[in-house]
Amino acid sequence: MRILNSTIAISLAAVLGVNSAQAAGLPQLDPSTFSSQLIWLAITFITLYVLMAKVALPKIGDVLEERQRKIDDNLAKAEELKSQADAASVAYEKSLSEARAKAHDAIREVKDEALAEAHKRQSAQNAQLQAKISESEQAISKARDEALAGIKDVATDVATSAVEKLIGEAPKDGSVASAIEAALKDRA
């Protein structure tokens, strides 16, 4: 409805020859009011400029500076935390390598102790075996000497019996024993 009334008013003004801007209800386009409009434009512009320059822009600048300061602080904290993390990582790697070195040393020490214990046991067993071998050799030597002594007696008896059967009389005890001794010395 309002549009229809405006259209009718414009048409009527055109027919009557009235300025169309005035007729349409647009006073800002009326040249008679340009000077007051320019004055008010200047006053409004200067007022808005002063308000923006003195109130709004400093507040916006303060907010931007605060924001930048927080960003810089956060970056500084992040850098500090990164350096701390790097230091902790280096300390961790160092302690890990030290622990590995200690573990290798402990393993080497245990191996050395086990090897020393094995050598000690082997030496003890070797000593026991040497003692048993020595005892066995002595027992064998003793048994051989006893066997040889028994062989001498048996050989003397056999030789005396054989000579007695062959010649019919018994030989002297010393002659048969010395002959057997000479034969045994030749064999040994």
N, C-alpha and C. Protein backbone atom coordinates (compact mmCIF):
# COMPACT_ATOMS: atom_id res chain seq x y z
N MET A 1 0.82 -1.17 0.00
CA MET A 1 0.00 0.00 0.00
C MET A 1 0.87 1.25 0.00
N ARG A 2 1.89 1.22 0.75
CA ARG A 2 2.77 2.36 0.84
C ARG A 2 3.48 2.57 -0.49
N ILE A 3 3.87 1.47 -1.13
CA ILE A 3 4.54 1.56 -2.42
C ILE A 3 3.59 2.16 -3.46
N LEU A 4 2.38 1.75 -3.37
CA LEU A 4 1.36 2.28 -4.31
C LEU A 4 1.19 3.78 -4.12
N ASN A 5 1.14 4.25 -2.87
CA ASN A 5 1.01 5.68 -2.60
C ASN A 5 2.22 6.44 -3.09
N SER A 6 3.44 5.89 -2.95
CA SER A 6 4.65 6.56 -3.43
C SER A 6 4.62 6.66 -4.93
N THR A 7 4.23 5.61 -5.55
CA THR A 7 4.17 5.61 -7.01
C THR A 7 3.18 6.64 -7.50
N ILE A 8 2.05 6.73 -6.86
CA ILE A 8 1.04 7.73 -7.24
C ILE A 8 1.58 9.12 -7.02
N ALA A 9 2.30 9.34 -5.91
CA ALA A 9 2.84 10.66 -5.61
C ALA A 9 3.88 11.04 -6.62
N ILE A 10 4.70 10.13 -7.07
CA ILE A 10 5.75 10.42 -8.06
C ILE A 10 5.09 10.75 -9.39
N SER A 11 4.12 9.98 -9.73
CA SER A 11 3.42 10.23 -11.01
C SER A 11 2.74 11.59 -10.99
N LEU A 12 2.10 11.93 -9.91
CA LEU A 12 1.40 13.21 -9.77
C LEU A 12 2.40 14.36 -9.82
N ALA A 13 3.55 14.20 -9.21
CA ALA A 13 4.56 15.23 -9.21
C ALA A 13 5.12 15.41 -10.60
N ALA A 14 5.26 14.36 -11.34
CA ALA A 14 5.77 14.46 -12.70
C ALA A 14 4.78 15.21 -13.57
N VAL A 15 3.54 14.96 -13.35
CA VAL A 15 2.51 15.63 -14.15
C VAL A 15 2.48 17.09 -13.78
N LEU A 16 2.60 17.42 -12.51
CA LEU A 16 2.49 18.80 -12.07
C LEU A 16 3.81 19.54 -12.28
N GLY A 17 4.92 18.81 -12.49
CA GLY A 17 6.20 19.46 -12.72
C GLY A 17 6.96 19.73 -11.44
N VAL A 18 6.65 19.09 -10.41
CA VAL A 18 7.35 19.27 -9.13
C VAL A 18 8.61 18.41 -9.15
N ASN A 19 9.63 18.86 -8.42
CA ASN A 19 10.89 18.11 -8.34
C ASN A 19 10.59 16.71 -7.83
N SER A 20 11.07 15.70 -8.58
CA SER A 20 10.76 14.31 -8.25
C SER A 20 11.40 13.89 -6.93
N ALA A 21 12.60 14.40 -6.55
CA ALA A 21 13.26 14.02 -5.31
C ALA A 21 12.45 14.50 -4.13
N GLN A 22 11.95 15.71 -4.22
CA GLN A 22 11.13 16.24 -3.14
C GLN A 22 9.83 15.51 -3.08
N ALA A 23 9.25 15.24 -4.20
CA ALA A 23 7.96 14.60 -4.26
C ALA A 23 8.05 13.19 -3.73
N ALA A 24 9.15 12.52 -3.93
CA ALA A 24 9.29 11.14 -3.48
C ALA A 24 9.61 11.08 -2.00
N GLY A 25 9.84 12.16 -1.38
CA GLY A 25 10.12 12.16 0.05
C GLY A 25 11.59 11.95 0.33
N LEU A 26 12.52 12.44 -0.49
CA LEU A 26 13.96 12.30 -0.30
C LEU A 26 14.57 13.68 -0.06
N PRO A 27 14.50 14.19 1.17
CA PRO A 27 14.98 15.54 1.43
C PRO A 27 16.49 15.65 1.35
N GLN A 28 17.23 14.58 1.46
CA GLN A 28 18.68 14.66 1.39
C GLN A 28 19.14 15.00 -0.02
N LEU A 29 18.26 14.82 -0.99
CA LEU A 29 18.63 15.18 -2.36
C LEU A 29 18.17 16.59 -2.73
N ASP A 30 17.58 17.28 -1.79
CA ASP A 30 17.12 18.66 -2.03
C ASP A 30 18.33 19.58 -1.94
N PRO A 31 18.67 20.33 -3.01
CA PRO A 31 19.85 21.18 -2.99
C PRO A 31 19.78 22.30 -1.97
N SER A 32 18.65 22.66 -1.52
CA SER A 32 18.55 23.74 -0.54
C SER A 32 19.04 23.30 0.83
N THR A 33 19.08 21.98 1.09
CA THR A 33 19.54 21.49 2.40
C THR A 33 20.96 20.94 2.36
N PHE A 34 21.68 21.11 1.24
CA PHE A 34 23.03 20.56 1.13
C PHE A 34 24.00 21.16 2.14
N SER A 35 23.92 22.44 2.38
CA SER A 35 24.88 23.09 3.29
C SER A 35 24.71 22.58 4.71
N SER A 36 23.50 22.45 5.20
CA SER A 36 23.31 21.94 6.56
C SER A 36 23.70 20.47 6.62
N GLN A 37 23.44 19.75 5.54
CA GLN A 37 23.82 18.34 5.52
C GLN A 37 25.35 18.20 5.56
N LEU A 38 26.07 19.06 4.85
CA LEU A 38 27.53 19.00 4.86
C LEU A 38 28.08 19.36 6.23
N ILE A 39 27.46 20.30 6.89
CA ILE A 39 27.90 20.68 8.25
C ILE A 39 27.70 19.50 9.19
N TRP A 40 26.52 18.93 9.13
CA TRP A 40 26.26 17.78 10.00
C TRP A 40 27.14 16.59 9.64
N LEU A 41 27.44 16.40 8.36
CA LEU A 41 28.35 15.34 7.94
C LEU A 41 29.72 15.57 8.56
N ALA A 42 30.22 16.82 8.51
CA ALA A 42 31.53 17.13 9.08
C ALA A 42 31.54 16.92 10.58
N ILE A 43 30.46 17.40 11.26
CA ILE A 43 30.38 17.23 12.73
C ILE A 43 30.35 15.74 13.08
N THR A 44 29.54 15.00 12.37
CA THR A 44 29.41 13.55 12.64
C THR A 44 30.73 12.85 12.33
N PHE A 45 31.36 13.20 11.21
CA PHE A 45 32.62 12.57 10.84
C PHE A 45 33.71 12.85 11.88
N ILE A 46 33.82 14.11 12.27
CA ILE A 46 34.84 14.48 13.27
C ILE A 46 34.56 13.80 14.59
N THR A 47 33.28 13.78 15.00
CA THR A 47 32.91 13.13 16.27
C THR A 47 33.25 11.64 16.21
N LEU A 48 32.84 10.99 15.13
CA LEU A 48 33.13 9.57 15.00
C LEU A 48 34.64 9.32 14.90
N TYR A 49 35.37 10.22 14.20
CA TYR A 49 36.82 10.07 14.08
C TYR A 49 37.48 10.19 15.46
N VAL A 50 37.05 11.20 16.24
CA VAL A 50 37.62 11.40 17.58
C VAL A 50 37.28 10.21 18.47
N LEU A 51 36.02 9.76 18.42
CA LEU A 51 35.63 8.59 19.23
C LEU A 51 36.44 7.35 18.83
N MET A 52 36.59 7.14 17.53
CA MET A 52 37.36 5.97 17.08
C MET A 52 38.83 6.12 17.48
N ALA A 53 39.41 7.32 17.28
CA ALA A 53 40.83 7.51 17.55
C ALA A 53 41.14 7.49 19.04
N LYS A 54 40.25 8.04 19.87
CA LYS A 54 40.54 8.17 21.30
C LYS A 54 39.96 7.03 22.14
N VAL A 55 38.89 6.39 21.69
CA VAL A 55 38.24 5.38 22.54
C VAL A 55 38.34 3.98 21.93
N ALA A 56 37.76 3.81 20.76
CA ALA A 56 37.62 2.46 20.20
C ALA A 56 38.96 1.89 19.75
N LEU A 57 39.72 2.63 18.95
CA LEU A 57 40.98 2.10 18.43
C LEU A 57 42.01 1.81 19.53
N PRO A 58 42.14 2.67 20.57
CA PRO A 58 43.07 2.29 21.65
C PRO A 58 42.65 1.00 22.34
N LYS A 59 41.32 0.83 22.52
CA LYS A 59 40.87 -0.41 23.15
C LYS A 59 41.17 -1.61 22.26
N ILE A 60 40.93 -1.44 20.97
CA ILE A 60 41.23 -2.53 20.03
C ILE A 60 42.74 -2.79 20.00
N GLY A 61 43.53 -1.71 20.02
CA GLY A 61 44.99 -1.85 20.06
C GLY A 61 45.45 -2.57 21.32
N ASP A 62 44.83 -2.19 22.46
CA ASP A 62 45.18 -2.84 23.73
C ASP A 62 44.85 -4.33 23.67
N VAL A 63 43.69 -4.65 23.11
CA VAL A 63 43.29 -6.06 22.99
C VAL A 63 44.26 -6.81 22.10
N LEU A 64 44.63 -6.18 20.97
CA LEU A 64 45.57 -6.82 20.06
C LEU A 64 46.94 -7.00 20.71
N GLU A 65 47.39 -5.95 21.45
CA GLU A 65 48.67 -6.06 22.15
C GLU A 65 48.63 -7.14 23.21
N GLU A 66 47.54 -7.22 23.97
CA GLU A 66 47.37 -8.25 25.00
C GLU A 66 47.38 -9.65 24.35
N ARG A 67 46.69 -9.74 23.24
CA ARG A 67 46.63 -11.01 22.53
C ARG A 67 48.02 -11.41 22.03
N GLN A 68 48.74 -10.46 21.47
CA GLN A 68 50.09 -10.75 20.99
C GLN A 68 51.02 -11.11 22.14
N ARG A 69 50.85 -10.40 23.26
CA ARG A 69 51.67 -10.70 24.45
C ARG A 69 51.39 -12.12 24.93
N LYS A 70 50.11 -12.51 24.96
CA LYS A 70 49.77 -13.88 25.38
C LYS A 70 50.34 -14.90 24.41
N ILE A 71 50.26 -14.58 23.13
CA ILE A 71 50.82 -15.51 22.13
C ILE A 71 52.33 -15.64 22.33
N ASP A 72 53.00 -14.48 22.54
CA ASP A 72 54.45 -14.52 22.76
C ASP A 72 54.79 -15.28 24.04
N ASP A 73 54.00 -15.05 25.11
CA ASP A 73 54.22 -15.78 26.36
C ASP A 73 54.04 -17.28 26.16
N ASN A 74 52.97 -17.63 25.45
CA ASN A 74 52.72 -19.05 25.19
C ASN A 74 53.84 -19.67 24.35
N LEU A 75 54.32 -18.92 23.37
CA LEU A 75 55.43 -19.42 22.56
C LEU A 75 56.69 -19.57 23.42
N ALA A 76 56.92 -18.61 24.30
CA ALA A 76 58.10 -18.68 25.18
C ALA A 76 57.98 -19.88 26.12
N LYS A 77 56.77 -20.08 26.67
CA LYS A 77 56.55 -21.23 27.55
C LYS A 77 56.73 -22.53 26.77
N ALA A 78 56.20 -22.56 25.56
CA ALA A 78 56.34 -23.76 24.74
C ALA A 78 57.81 -24.04 24.45
N GLU A 79 58.55 -22.99 24.15
CA GLU A 79 59.99 -23.16 23.88
C GLU A 79 60.71 -23.65 25.13
N GLU A 80 60.35 -23.08 26.29
CA GLU A 80 60.95 -23.51 27.55
C GLU A 80 60.61 -24.97 27.84
N LEU A 81 59.34 -25.33 27.65
CA LEU A 81 58.93 -26.71 27.88
C LEU A 81 59.61 -27.65 26.89
N LYS A 82 59.80 -27.18 25.68
CA LYS A 82 60.50 -28.01 24.69
C LYS A 82 61.94 -28.22 25.11
N SER A 83 62.58 -27.16 25.59
CA SER A 83 63.97 -27.31 26.03
C SER A 83 64.05 -28.23 27.25
N GLN A 84 63.06 -28.11 28.15
CA GLN A 84 63.03 -29.01 29.30
C GLN A 84 62.81 -30.45 28.85
N ALA A 85 61.92 -30.64 27.89
CA ALA A 85 61.67 -31.99 27.37
C ALA A 85 62.92 -32.54 26.69
N ASP A 86 63.63 -31.68 25.96
CA ASP A 86 64.87 -32.12 25.33
C ASP A 86 65.91 -32.49 26.39
N ALA A 87 66.00 -31.68 27.43
CA ALA A 87 66.94 -31.98 28.51
C ALA A 87 66.55 -33.28 29.21
N ALA A 88 65.25 -33.46 29.42
CA ALA A 88 64.79 -34.70 30.05
C ALA A 88 65.08 -35.89 29.15
N SER A 89 64.92 -35.71 27.85
CA SER A 89 65.21 -36.78 26.91
C SER A 89 66.69 -37.13 26.93
N VAL A 90 67.53 -36.10 26.96
CA VAL A 90 68.97 -36.34 27.02
C VAL A 90 69.33 -37.05 28.33
N ALA A 91 68.73 -36.60 29.43
CA ALA A 91 69.00 -37.25 30.73
C ALA A 91 68.51 -38.69 30.72
N TYR A 92 67.36 -38.92 30.11
CA TYR A 92 66.82 -40.28 30.02
C TYR A 92 67.74 -41.16 29.20
N GLU A 93 68.19 -40.66 28.05
CA GLU A 93 69.10 -41.44 27.22
C GLU A 93 70.41 -41.72 27.95
N LYS A 94 70.90 -40.71 28.69
CA LYS A 94 72.14 -40.90 29.44
C LYS A 94 71.95 -41.95 30.53
N SER A 95 70.85 -41.85 31.28
CA SER A 95 70.61 -42.84 32.34
C SER A 95 70.38 -44.22 31.74
N LEU A 96 69.74 -44.27 30.58
CA LEU A 96 69.52 -45.55 29.92
C LEU A 96 70.84 -46.16 29.49
N SER A 97 71.73 -45.36 28.92
CA SER A 97 73.03 -45.88 28.51
C SER A 97 73.86 -46.29 29.74
N GLU A 98 73.76 -45.53 30.82
CA GLU A 98 74.46 -45.91 32.05
C GLU A 98 73.92 -47.22 32.59
N ALA A 99 72.60 -47.38 32.55
CA ALA A 99 71.99 -48.62 33.02
C ALA A 99 72.43 -49.80 32.15
N ARG A 100 72.49 -49.58 30.84
CA ARG A 100 72.97 -50.64 29.95
C ARG A 100 74.42 -50.99 30.27
N ALA A 101 75.23 -49.96 30.47
CA ALA A 101 76.64 -50.21 30.80
C ALA A 101 76.76 -50.98 32.11
N LYS A 102 75.96 -50.59 33.11
CA LYS A 102 75.99 -51.30 34.39
C LYS A 102 75.53 -52.74 34.20
N ALA A 103 74.50 -52.94 33.39
CA ALA A 103 74.01 -54.30 33.14
C ALA A 103 75.08 -55.13 32.45
N HIS A 104 75.76 -54.54 31.45
CA HIS A 104 76.84 -55.27 30.77
C HIS A 104 77.97 -55.58 31.75
N ASP A 105 78.30 -54.61 32.61
CA ASP A 105 79.35 -54.85 33.60
C ASP A 105 78.93 -55.96 34.56
N ALA A 106 77.67 -55.93 34.99
CA ALA A 106 77.17 -56.96 35.91
C ALA A 106 77.19 -58.33 35.23
N ILE A 107 76.79 -58.38 33.97
CA ILE A 107 76.80 -59.65 33.24
C ILE A 107 78.24 -60.14 33.09
N ARG A 108 79.14 -59.22 32.73
CA ARG A 108 80.54 -59.61 32.58
C ARG A 108 81.10 -60.09 33.92
N GLU A 109 80.74 -59.41 35.00
CA GLU A 109 81.22 -59.80 36.33
C GLU A 109 80.70 -61.18 36.70
N VAL A 110 79.41 -61.43 36.42
CA VAL A 110 78.83 -62.74 36.73
C VAL A 110 79.50 -63.82 35.88
N LYS A 111 79.74 -63.51 34.60
CA LYS A 111 80.43 -64.48 33.75
C LYS A 111 81.83 -64.77 34.27
N ASP A 112 82.53 -63.70 34.66
CA ASP A 112 83.89 -63.88 35.19
C ASP A 112 83.87 -64.71 36.47
N GLU A 113 82.91 -64.42 37.34
CA GLU A 113 82.79 -65.19 38.58
C GLU A 113 82.47 -66.64 38.28
N ALA A 114 81.54 -66.86 37.34
CA ALA A 114 81.18 -68.24 36.98
C ALA A 114 82.37 -68.95 36.37
N LEU A 115 83.13 -68.26 35.52
CA LEU A 115 84.31 -68.85 34.91
C LEU A 115 85.36 -69.16 35.97
N ALA A 116 85.56 -68.23 36.90
CA ALA A 116 86.52 -68.46 37.99
C ALA A 116 86.07 -69.65 38.85
N GLU A 117 84.78 -69.70 39.13
CA GLU A 117 84.25 -70.82 39.93
C GLU A 117 84.43 -72.14 39.17
N ALA A 118 84.19 -72.10 37.84
CA ALA A 118 84.36 -73.31 37.04
C ALA A 118 85.83 -73.74 37.04
N HIS A 119 86.75 -72.77 36.90
CA HIS A 119 88.18 -73.10 36.94
C HIS A 119 88.57 -73.65 38.32
N LYS A 120 88.00 -73.07 39.35
CA LYS A 120 88.29 -73.52 40.71
C LYS A 120 87.80 -74.95 40.89
N ARG A 121 86.58 -75.22 40.44
CA ARG A 121 86.04 -76.58 40.56
C ARG A 121 86.85 -77.56 39.70
N GLN A 122 87.19 -77.11 38.49
CA GLN A 122 87.97 -77.97 37.61
C GLN A 122 89.33 -78.27 38.23
N SER A 123 89.94 -77.25 38.82
CA SER A 123 91.24 -77.46 39.47
C SER A 123 91.10 -78.42 40.64
N ALA A 124 90.02 -78.25 41.41
CA ALA A 124 89.79 -79.15 42.55
C ALA A 124 89.56 -80.57 42.05
N GLN A 125 88.78 -80.73 41.00
CA GLN A 125 88.54 -82.07 40.47
C GLN A 125 89.81 -82.65 39.86
N ASN A 126 90.59 -81.79 39.18
CA ASN A 126 91.87 -82.26 38.64
C ASN A 126 92.78 -82.74 39.77
N ALA A 127 92.81 -81.99 40.87
CA ALA A 127 93.63 -82.38 42.01
C ALA A 127 93.14 -83.71 42.59
N GLN A 128 91.81 -83.86 42.70
CA GLN A 128 91.26 -85.12 43.21
C GLN A 128 91.60 -86.28 42.27
N LEU A 129 91.45 -86.02 40.97
CA LEU A 129 91.76 -87.07 39.99
C LEU A 129 93.25 -87.42 40.04
N GLN A 130 94.12 -86.40 40.16
CA GLN A 130 95.55 -86.66 40.26
C GLN A 130 95.86 -87.48 41.51
N ALA A 131 95.16 -87.13 42.60
CA ALA A 131 95.37 -87.89 43.83
C ALA A 131 94.92 -89.33 43.64
N LYS A 132 93.76 -89.53 43.01
CA LYS A 132 93.26 -90.89 42.77
C LYS A 132 94.18 -91.64 41.80
N ILE A 133 94.66 -90.94 40.76
CA ILE A 133 95.58 -91.57 39.81
C ILE A 133 96.86 -91.97 40.52
N SER A 134 97.35 -91.08 41.37
CA SER A 134 98.57 -91.38 42.13
C SER A 134 98.35 -92.58 43.04
N GLU A 135 97.19 -92.59 43.72
CA GLU A 135 96.86 -93.73 44.59
C GLU A 135 96.75 -95.02 43.77
N SER A 136 96.09 -94.90 42.62
CA SER A 136 95.93 -96.08 41.76
C SER A 136 97.28 -96.57 41.26
N GLU A 137 98.14 -95.64 40.85
CA GLU A 137 99.47 -96.03 40.39
C GLU A 137 100.25 -96.71 41.50
N GLN A 138 100.11 -96.17 42.72
CA GLN A 138 100.80 -96.79 43.85
C GLN A 138 100.23 -98.18 44.13
N ALA A 139 98.91 -98.28 44.03
CA ALA A 139 98.28 -99.59 44.27
C ALA A 139 98.69 -100.57 43.19
N ILE A 140 98.74 -100.09 41.92
CA ILE A 140 99.16 -100.97 40.83
C ILE A 140 100.62 -101.38 41.02
N SER A 141 101.45 -100.39 41.38
CA SER A 141 102.86 -100.69 41.61
C SER A 141 103.02 -101.69 42.75
N LYS A 142 102.26 -101.49 43.80
CA LYS A 142 102.32 -102.41 44.94
C LYS A 142 101.84 -103.78 44.54
N ALA A 143 100.74 -103.83 43.77
CA ALA A 143 100.21 -105.12 43.33
C ALA A 143 101.20 -105.80 42.39
N ARG A 144 101.84 -105.02 41.50
CA ARG A 144 102.85 -105.58 40.60
C ARG A 144 104.03 -106.13 41.39
N ASP A 145 104.47 -105.32 42.40
CA ASP A 145 105.60 -105.78 43.22
C ASP A 145 105.23 -107.06 43.96
N GLU A 146 104.00 -107.10 44.49
CA GLU A 146 103.55 -108.30 45.19
C GLU A 146 103.44 -109.46 44.21
N ALA A 147 102.91 -109.13 43.00
CA ALA A 147 102.79 -110.20 42.00
C ALA A 147 104.17 -110.70 41.59
N LEU A 148 105.10 -109.74 41.39
CA LEU A 148 106.46 -110.14 41.05
C LEU A 148 107.11 -110.93 42.18
N ALA A 149 106.84 -110.49 43.40
CA ALA A 149 107.39 -111.24 44.54
C ALA A 149 106.78 -112.64 44.58
N GLY A 150 105.49 -112.69 44.32
CA GLY A 150 104.82 -113.99 44.28
C GLY A 150 105.30 -114.81 43.11
N ILE A 151 105.60 -114.16 41.97
CA ILE A 151 106.09 -114.86 40.79
C ILE A 151 107.48 -115.44 41.08
N LYS A 152 108.25 -114.65 41.79
CA LYS A 152 109.59 -115.13 42.14
C LYS A 152 109.49 -116.42 42.97
N ASP A 153 108.59 -116.35 43.95
CA ASP A 153 108.42 -117.53 44.81
C ASP A 153 107.90 -118.72 44.00
N VAL A 154 106.91 -118.44 43.17
CA VAL A 154 106.31 -119.51 42.35
C VAL A 154 107.36 -120.01 41.34
N ALA A 155 108.05 -119.03 40.70
CA ALA A 155 109.07 -119.42 39.72
C ALA A 155 110.18 -120.23 40.40
N THR A 156 110.57 -119.83 41.59
CA THR A 156 111.60 -120.58 42.33
C THR A 156 111.11 -121.99 42.61
N ASP A 157 109.87 -122.11 43.06
CA ASP A 157 109.31 -123.44 43.36
C ASP A 157 109.22 -124.29 42.10
N VAL A 158 108.73 -123.70 41.00
CA VAL A 158 108.57 -124.44 39.73
C VAL A 158 109.94 -124.85 39.21
N ALA A 159 110.89 -123.90 39.22
CA ALA A 159 112.23 -124.20 38.72
C ALA A 159 112.90 -125.27 39.57
N THR A 160 112.75 -125.19 40.87
CA THR A 160 113.34 -126.21 41.77
C THR A 160 112.72 -127.56 41.49
N SER A 161 111.41 -127.61 41.30
CA SER A 161 110.71 -128.88 41.02
C SER A 161 111.14 -129.41 39.67
N ALA A 162 111.27 -128.56 38.68
CA ALA A 162 111.64 -129.01 37.34
C ALA A 162 113.07 -129.55 37.33
N VAL A 163 113.99 -128.85 37.98
CA VAL A 163 115.38 -129.29 38.04
C VAL A 163 115.46 -130.61 38.81
N GLU A 164 114.72 -130.73 39.84
CA GLU A 164 114.73 -131.96 40.67
C GLU A 164 114.21 -133.14 39.86
N LYS A 165 113.20 -132.92 39.05
CA LYS A 165 112.64 -134.00 38.24
C LYS A 165 113.59 -134.34 37.10
N LEU A 166 114.27 -133.33 36.57
CA LEU A 166 115.15 -133.59 35.45
C LEU A 166 116.45 -134.29 35.90
N ILE A 167 117.04 -133.81 36.91
CA ILE A 167 118.33 -134.37 37.31
C ILE A 167 118.19 -135.28 38.53
N GLY A 168 117.17 -135.30 39.13
CA GLY A 168 116.92 -136.18 40.26
C GLY A 168 117.41 -135.66 41.59
N GLU A 169 118.00 -134.55 41.64
CA GLU A 169 118.37 -134.01 42.95
C GLU A 169 117.99 -132.53 43.01
N ALA A 170 117.81 -132.03 44.19
CA ALA A 170 117.33 -130.67 44.40
C ALA A 170 118.49 -129.70 44.29
N PRO A 171 118.27 -128.59 43.55
CA PRO A 171 119.33 -127.59 43.44
C PRO A 171 119.44 -126.75 44.71
N LYS A 172 120.47 -125.99 44.79
CA LYS A 172 120.67 -125.15 45.96
C LYS A 172 119.66 -123.98 45.88
N ASP A 173 119.15 -123.52 47.05
CA ASP A 173 118.14 -122.46 47.08
C ASP A 173 118.66 -121.16 46.49
N GLY A 174 119.82 -120.83 46.70
CA GLY A 174 120.38 -119.56 46.25
C GLY A 174 120.60 -119.54 44.75
N SER A 175 120.98 -120.67 44.14
CA SER A 175 121.29 -120.68 42.72
C SER A 175 120.04 -120.49 41.87
N VAL A 176 118.93 -121.11 42.20
CA VAL A 176 117.67 -120.96 41.46
C VAL A 176 117.16 -119.52 41.64
N ALA A 177 117.20 -118.96 42.83
CA ALA A 177 116.72 -117.61 43.10
C ALA A 177 117.55 -116.59 42.33
N SER A 178 118.88 -116.75 42.27
CA SER A 178 119.72 -115.81 41.55
C SER A 178 119.49 -115.90 40.04
N ALA A 179 119.21 -117.09 39.51
CA ALA A 179 118.91 -117.26 38.09
C ALA A 179 117.59 -116.57 37.74
N ILE A 180 116.62 -116.70 38.59
CA ILE A 180 115.32 -116.05 38.35
C ILE A 180 115.47 -114.53 38.44
N GLU A 181 116.25 -114.04 39.35
CA GLU A 181 116.50 -112.60 39.49
C GLU A 181 117.16 -112.06 38.23
N ALA A 182 118.10 -112.77 37.69
CA ALA A 182 118.81 -112.35 36.49
C ALA A 182 117.85 -112.32 35.30
N ALA A 183 116.97 -113.32 35.19
CA ALA A 183 116.00 -113.38 34.09
C ALA A 183 115.01 -112.22 34.19
N LEU A 184 114.57 -111.90 35.37
CA LEU A 184 113.60 -110.80 35.57
C LEU A 184 114.26 -109.45 35.30
N LYS A 185 115.54 -109.31 35.62
CA LYS A 185 116.22 -108.05 35.35
C LYS A 185 116.36 -107.86 33.85
N ASP A 186 116.62 -108.92 33.10
CA ASP A 186 116.74 -108.83 31.65
C ASP A 186 115.41 -108.39 31.01
N ARG A 187 114.29 -108.79 31.56
CA ARG A 187 112.96 -108.46 31.03
C ARG A 187 112.56 -107.01 31.35
N ALA A 188 112.96 -106.55 32.50
CA ALA A 188 112.55 -105.21 32.91
C ALA A 188 113.40 -104.20 32.27
